[in-house]
Protein backbone atom coordinates (compact mmCIF):
# COMPACT_ATOMS: atom_id res chain seq x y z
CA MET A 1 -125.81 116.29 131.95
CA LEU A 2 -129.27 116.38 130.41
CA SER A 3 -131.42 113.29 130.67
CA GLU A 4 -131.64 111.37 127.39
CA VAL A 5 -134.37 108.98 128.58
CA PRO A 6 -137.88 110.19 127.67
CA HIS A 7 -140.22 110.50 130.62
CA PRO A 8 -143.90 109.52 130.32
CA ALA A 9 -146.59 112.17 130.66
CA GLY A 10 -147.36 112.97 134.27
CA THR A 11 -143.80 112.36 135.52
CA ARG A 12 -142.44 114.98 137.93
CA VAL A 13 -139.02 116.12 136.73
CA VAL A 14 -136.34 118.67 137.51
CA VAL A 15 -135.88 121.18 134.70
CA GLN A 16 -133.25 123.83 134.12
CA GLY A 17 -135.34 126.94 133.49
CA LYS A 18 -134.39 130.54 132.87
CA ARG A 19 -134.25 131.30 136.58
CA GLY A 20 -132.64 128.03 137.70
CA PRO A 21 -133.65 124.46 138.58
CA GLU A 22 -137.39 123.94 139.12
CA ILE A 23 -139.89 121.11 139.45
CA ALA A 24 -142.17 120.49 136.47
CA THR A 25 -144.63 117.90 135.18
CA VAL A 26 -144.15 116.22 131.78
CA ARG A 27 -147.10 116.89 129.46
CA GLY A 28 -145.84 115.35 126.21
CA GLU A 29 -142.87 114.60 124.03
CA ALA A 30 -139.78 116.78 124.11
CA GLY A 31 -139.83 119.74 121.78
CA SER A 32 -137.15 120.98 119.41
CA PRO A 33 -133.73 121.99 120.77
CA GLU A 34 -134.67 125.62 120.16
CA ARG A 35 -137.84 125.23 122.22
CA GLN A 36 -135.93 123.47 125.01
CA ALA A 37 -133.38 126.27 125.06
CA ARG A 38 -136.21 128.77 125.43
CA TYR A 39 -138.31 127.05 128.08
CA GLY A 40 -135.80 124.81 129.80
CA SER A 41 -134.45 121.28 129.54
CA VAL A 42 -135.15 118.21 131.66
CA LEU A 43 -132.26 117.38 133.96
CA ARG A 44 -133.62 114.24 135.62
CA ALA A 45 -136.66 112.64 137.14
CA ALA A 46 -137.50 114.28 140.46
CA THR A 47 -136.54 112.29 143.54
CA ALA A 48 -138.51 112.13 146.78
CA THR A 49 -135.98 114.57 148.25
CA ASP A 50 -136.50 117.00 145.36
CA LEU A 51 -140.27 116.93 145.81
CA GLN A 52 -140.04 117.41 149.57
CA THR A 53 -137.64 120.34 149.12
CA TRP A 54 -140.01 121.86 146.56
CA GLU A 55 -142.97 121.55 148.94
CA ASP A 56 -141.00 123.15 151.77
CA LEU A 57 -139.91 126.05 149.55
CA HIS A 58 -143.48 126.54 148.35
CA ARG A 59 -144.75 126.85 151.92
CA ARG A 60 -141.98 129.29 152.80
CA ALA A 61 -142.74 131.33 149.69
CA GLU A 62 -146.43 131.57 150.66
CA ASP A 63 -145.50 132.80 154.13
CA LEU A 64 -143.15 135.40 152.64
CA LYS A 65 -145.83 136.57 150.22
CA TRP A 66 -148.21 137.42 153.05
CA LEU A 67 -145.41 139.05 155.03
CA LEU A 68 -144.44 141.28 152.10
CA ARG A 69 -148.08 142.18 151.45
CA ALA A 70 -148.43 143.34 155.04
CA ARG A 71 -145.22 145.38 154.86
CA ALA A 72 -146.30 146.94 151.55
CA ARG A 73 -149.61 148.02 153.12
CA GLU A 74 -147.78 149.51 156.11
CA ARG A 75 -145.63 151.57 153.74
CA ARG A 76 -148.62 152.48 151.53
CA LEU A 77 -146.93 151.10 148.45
CA PRO A 78 -149.37 151.06 145.47
CA VAL A 79 -148.51 147.50 144.43
CA LYS A 80 -150.17 144.10 144.19
CA LEU A 81 -147.84 141.26 145.18
CA VAL A 82 -148.99 138.25 143.16
CA ALA A 83 -146.50 135.47 143.86
CA VAL A 84 -143.21 134.59 145.53
CA GLU A 85 -141.26 131.68 144.01
CA PHE A 86 -137.96 130.01 144.90
CA THR A 87 -135.74 128.00 142.59
CA LEU A 88 -135.13 124.43 143.74
CA ASP A 89 -131.62 125.26 144.96
CA GLU A 90 -132.90 128.41 146.73
CA SER A 91 -130.37 130.55 144.90
CA LEU A 92 -133.06 132.94 143.60
CA VAL A 93 -136.41 134.17 144.87
CA THR A 94 -138.68 135.89 142.33
CA ILE A 95 -141.35 138.32 143.51
CA SER A 96 -144.01 138.87 140.83
CA TYR A 97 -146.07 142.04 141.19
CA SER A 98 -148.34 144.40 139.29
CA ALA A 99 -148.56 148.17 139.62
CA GLU A 100 -150.22 150.99 137.73
CA GLU A 101 -146.96 152.91 137.48
CA ARG A 102 -143.25 152.34 137.92
CA ILE A 103 -142.48 151.70 141.56
CA GLU A 104 -139.35 151.09 143.63
CA LEU A 105 -139.60 147.98 145.82
CA GLY A 106 -136.02 147.77 147.03
CA SER A 107 -137.13 148.63 150.57
CA LEU A 108 -138.81 145.21 150.82
CA ILE A 109 -135.54 143.33 150.32
CA SER A 110 -134.52 143.96 153.93
CA GLU A 111 -137.68 142.13 155.03
CA LEU A 112 -136.45 139.00 153.26
CA ARG A 113 -132.93 138.88 154.63
CA ALA A 114 -134.03 137.37 157.93
CA HIS A 115 -135.74 134.52 156.08
CA THR A 116 -133.53 133.70 153.09
CA HIS A 117 -130.14 134.51 151.59
CA ALA A 118 -131.39 133.97 148.04
CA ARG A 119 -130.86 136.63 145.43
CA VAL A 120 -134.04 138.70 145.01
CA ASN A 121 -135.61 139.37 141.62
CA PHE A 122 -138.65 141.65 141.19
CA ALA A 123 -140.74 140.88 138.09
CA ALA A 124 -143.53 143.18 136.89
CA ILE A 125 -146.33 141.18 135.26
CA GLY A 126 -149.52 141.98 133.33
CA PRO A 127 -153.13 140.76 133.70
CA ARG A 128 -152.57 137.62 131.61
CA GLU A 129 -149.56 136.58 133.66
CA GLN A 130 -151.58 137.10 136.84
CA ALA A 131 -154.30 134.76 135.58
CA GLN A 132 -151.59 132.26 134.64
CA MET A 133 -150.13 132.26 138.15
CA LEU A 134 -153.33 132.44 140.18
CA GLY A 135 -155.48 130.13 138.05
CA THR A 136 -159.16 130.84 137.35
CA LEU A 137 -162.14 129.24 135.64
CA GLY A 138 -162.95 130.25 132.09
CA ALA A 139 -166.37 130.69 130.47
CA CYS A 140 -166.13 127.05 129.33
CA GLY A 141 -166.15 125.89 132.94
CA ARG A 142 -162.58 124.60 132.81
CA GLU A 143 -159.42 126.03 134.32
CA ASN A 144 -158.11 128.85 132.16
CA CYS A 145 -155.73 127.89 129.35
CA SER A 146 -152.93 130.17 130.53
CA SER A 147 -152.52 128.27 133.80
CA THR A 148 -152.81 124.78 132.26
CA HIS A 149 -151.02 124.49 128.91
CA LEU A 150 -150.20 127.84 127.29
CA GLN A 151 -146.56 128.86 127.44
CA ASP A 152 -146.81 131.86 125.12
CA PHE A 153 -149.42 134.59 124.86
CA ALA A 154 -150.10 134.97 121.14
CA PRO A 155 -151.65 138.27 119.96
CA VAL A 156 -155.46 138.19 119.98
CA SER A 157 -157.50 140.82 118.12
CA ILE A 158 -161.16 141.77 117.86
CA ARG A 159 -160.92 140.86 114.17
CA MET A 160 -160.74 137.20 115.21
CA ALA A 161 -164.12 137.54 116.93
CA ARG A 162 -165.60 139.23 113.84
CA ASP A 163 -164.32 136.47 111.56
CA GLN A 164 -165.98 133.87 113.80
CA GLN A 165 -169.28 135.82 113.71
CA LEU A 166 -169.28 136.27 117.47
CA PRO A 167 -171.26 139.05 119.16
CA LEU A 168 -168.90 141.92 119.92
CA ASN A 169 -169.79 141.96 123.60
CA PRO A 170 -166.73 142.81 125.74
CA GLU A 171 -168.09 140.81 128.69
CA LYS A 172 -168.40 137.63 126.60
CA LEU A 173 -165.15 138.08 124.69
CA SER A 174 -162.96 138.84 127.72
CA GLY A 175 -161.32 136.29 129.96
CA PRO A 176 -160.85 136.46 133.75
CA CYS A 177 -157.79 138.65 133.14
CA GLY A 178 -159.91 141.30 131.43
CA ARG A 179 -158.18 140.79 128.07
CA LEU A 180 -159.55 139.13 124.93
CA LEU A 181 -159.97 135.36 125.28
CA CYS A 182 -156.86 133.42 124.28
CA CYS A 183 -159.08 130.71 122.75
CA LEU A 184 -160.22 133.12 120.00
CA GLN A 185 -156.99 132.23 118.20
CA TYR A 186 -157.48 128.44 118.27
CA GLU A 187 -159.93 128.09 115.34
CA HIS A 188 -159.30 131.37 113.58
CA GLU A 189 -157.39 129.86 110.66
CA GLN A 190 -160.18 127.32 110.06
CA TYR A 191 -162.78 130.09 110.02
CA LEU A 192 -160.73 132.03 107.48
CA GLU A 193 -160.74 128.93 105.23
CA LEU A 194 -164.52 128.62 105.53
CA LEU A 195 -165.09 132.33 104.90
CA ARG A 196 -163.33 132.10 101.54
CA ASP A 197 -166.32 130.15 100.20
CA LEU A 198 -168.88 132.67 101.46
CA PRO A 199 -169.91 136.05 100.03
CA ARG A 200 -168.99 139.14 101.96
CA LYS A 201 -171.39 140.60 104.46
CA ASN A 202 -173.60 143.35 102.93
CA ALA A 203 -172.95 142.01 99.41
CA ARG A 204 -175.89 142.08 96.93
CA MET A 205 -176.73 138.49 95.98
CA CYS A 206 -179.55 136.55 94.31
CA HIS A 207 -180.88 133.07 95.11
CA GLU A 208 -180.72 130.94 91.95
CA SER A 209 -183.79 128.80 92.67
CA SER A 210 -186.25 131.44 93.82
CA GLY A 211 -184.76 134.44 92.05
CA ALA A 212 -185.01 136.47 95.26
CA CYS A 213 -182.37 139.19 95.54
CA GLY A 214 -181.18 141.09 98.57
CA LYS A 215 -178.35 141.83 100.95
CA VAL A 216 -176.26 139.34 102.91
CA VAL A 217 -176.77 140.32 106.55
CA LYS A 218 -175.12 137.41 108.38
CA LEU A 219 -172.67 134.59 107.65
CA HIS A 220 -172.72 131.06 109.06
CA PRO A 221 -169.26 129.65 108.21
CA LEU A 222 -169.70 126.28 109.94
CA ALA A 223 -173.01 125.59 108.16
CA GLY A 224 -171.88 127.14 104.86
CA THR A 225 -175.00 129.32 104.72
CA VAL A 226 -175.87 133.01 104.88
CA ASP A 227 -178.86 135.07 105.93
CA LEU A 228 -180.20 136.89 102.88
CA GLN A 229 -182.54 139.80 103.48
CA THR A 230 -184.58 140.41 100.34
CA ASP A 231 -185.66 143.78 99.04
CA GLN A 232 -189.16 142.97 100.35
CA GLY A 233 -187.79 142.52 103.87
CA THR A 234 -187.97 138.71 104.02
CA LEU A 235 -185.07 136.89 105.67
CA PHE A 236 -183.82 133.60 104.19
CA ASP A 237 -181.16 131.19 105.43
CA VAL A 238 -179.72 129.83 102.17
CA PRO A 239 -176.64 127.75 101.22
CA ALA A 240 -173.85 129.94 99.88
CA GLY A 241 -173.49 127.66 96.84
CA GLU A 242 -176.99 128.61 95.68
CA LEU A 243 -176.22 132.32 95.49
CA ARG A 244 -174.98 134.39 92.58
CA ARG A 245 -174.00 137.99 92.40
CA SER A 246 -176.87 140.38 91.86
CA PRO A 247 -176.87 141.96 88.36
CA ASP A 248 -177.24 145.44 89.80
CA ALA A 249 -174.30 144.95 92.20
CA ALA A 250 -171.75 145.79 89.48
CA LYS A 251 -173.52 148.88 88.22
CA GLY A 252 -172.35 150.98 91.10
CA PRO A 253 -174.17 154.04 92.44
CA LYS A 254 -176.65 155.80 90.16
CA ARG A 255 -175.54 159.08 88.61
CA ASP A 256 -177.50 162.18 89.55
CA SER A 257 -179.54 163.16 86.45
CA ARG A 258 -180.85 166.43 87.89
CA PRO A 259 -179.77 169.59 86.11
CA PRO A 260 -176.87 171.18 87.99
CA ILE A 261 -177.56 174.01 90.39
CA GLU A 262 -175.42 177.10 90.08
CA GLY A 263 -172.31 176.72 92.24
CA GLU A 264 -172.89 172.97 92.79
CA THR A 265 -170.03 170.54 92.13
CA ARG A 266 -170.57 166.85 91.42
CA PRO A 267 -168.14 163.92 91.20
CA ASP A 268 -167.26 162.75 87.70
């Protein structure tokens, strides 16, 4: 039976996950029934026996991980063994690995039989899942989000970095996993709201007070300003509310008034 008593944050509990019973730490209030069905439900508060069993299984899993790594090297298997994890009842052991191509690891099962009778599950994982399991420090100086609170990896695109006016430098936009930073998604919606009140980049605009006209070369959504480069080459940082569309912006490209050359075609 599922526990109906809410547990305070920080409580160690036993949860029924996808793979079986596991130990977890409460971080907040219970989610919707759909979310619980997806990520697991709390069975009970963890007892001292549960926690001791979990510690013992964790140590055994670490020993097995190094054993399997050694056997994989002996057999020249092109694989990186990332983690070995038991369920609390030791009915299942999951071996998470990464490989450049599809690989058969069934030969390693015989190495486990002398140490556990648990059912063996091999799980191929990507770079983000590796960072989630191993834990690393992000550019912010804190432990990476994937190993602390993220449970899903939402799609992250380079467009999010453009909308936030970030320099498109792969080294600064990539996390420890080598993929785009997960945190690019956190404030993206707020930036989209702010950008609605700003002119587009490269738009022709005029400053109402000074009458200076030029091209918008950079946006500052948080400040509500833009960098306007005038036709004389001067750069101004002006509030977006003080700009109006340049009169010549709607005229479009000038038509070629030269007399046509024989055989030349021109757009209408």
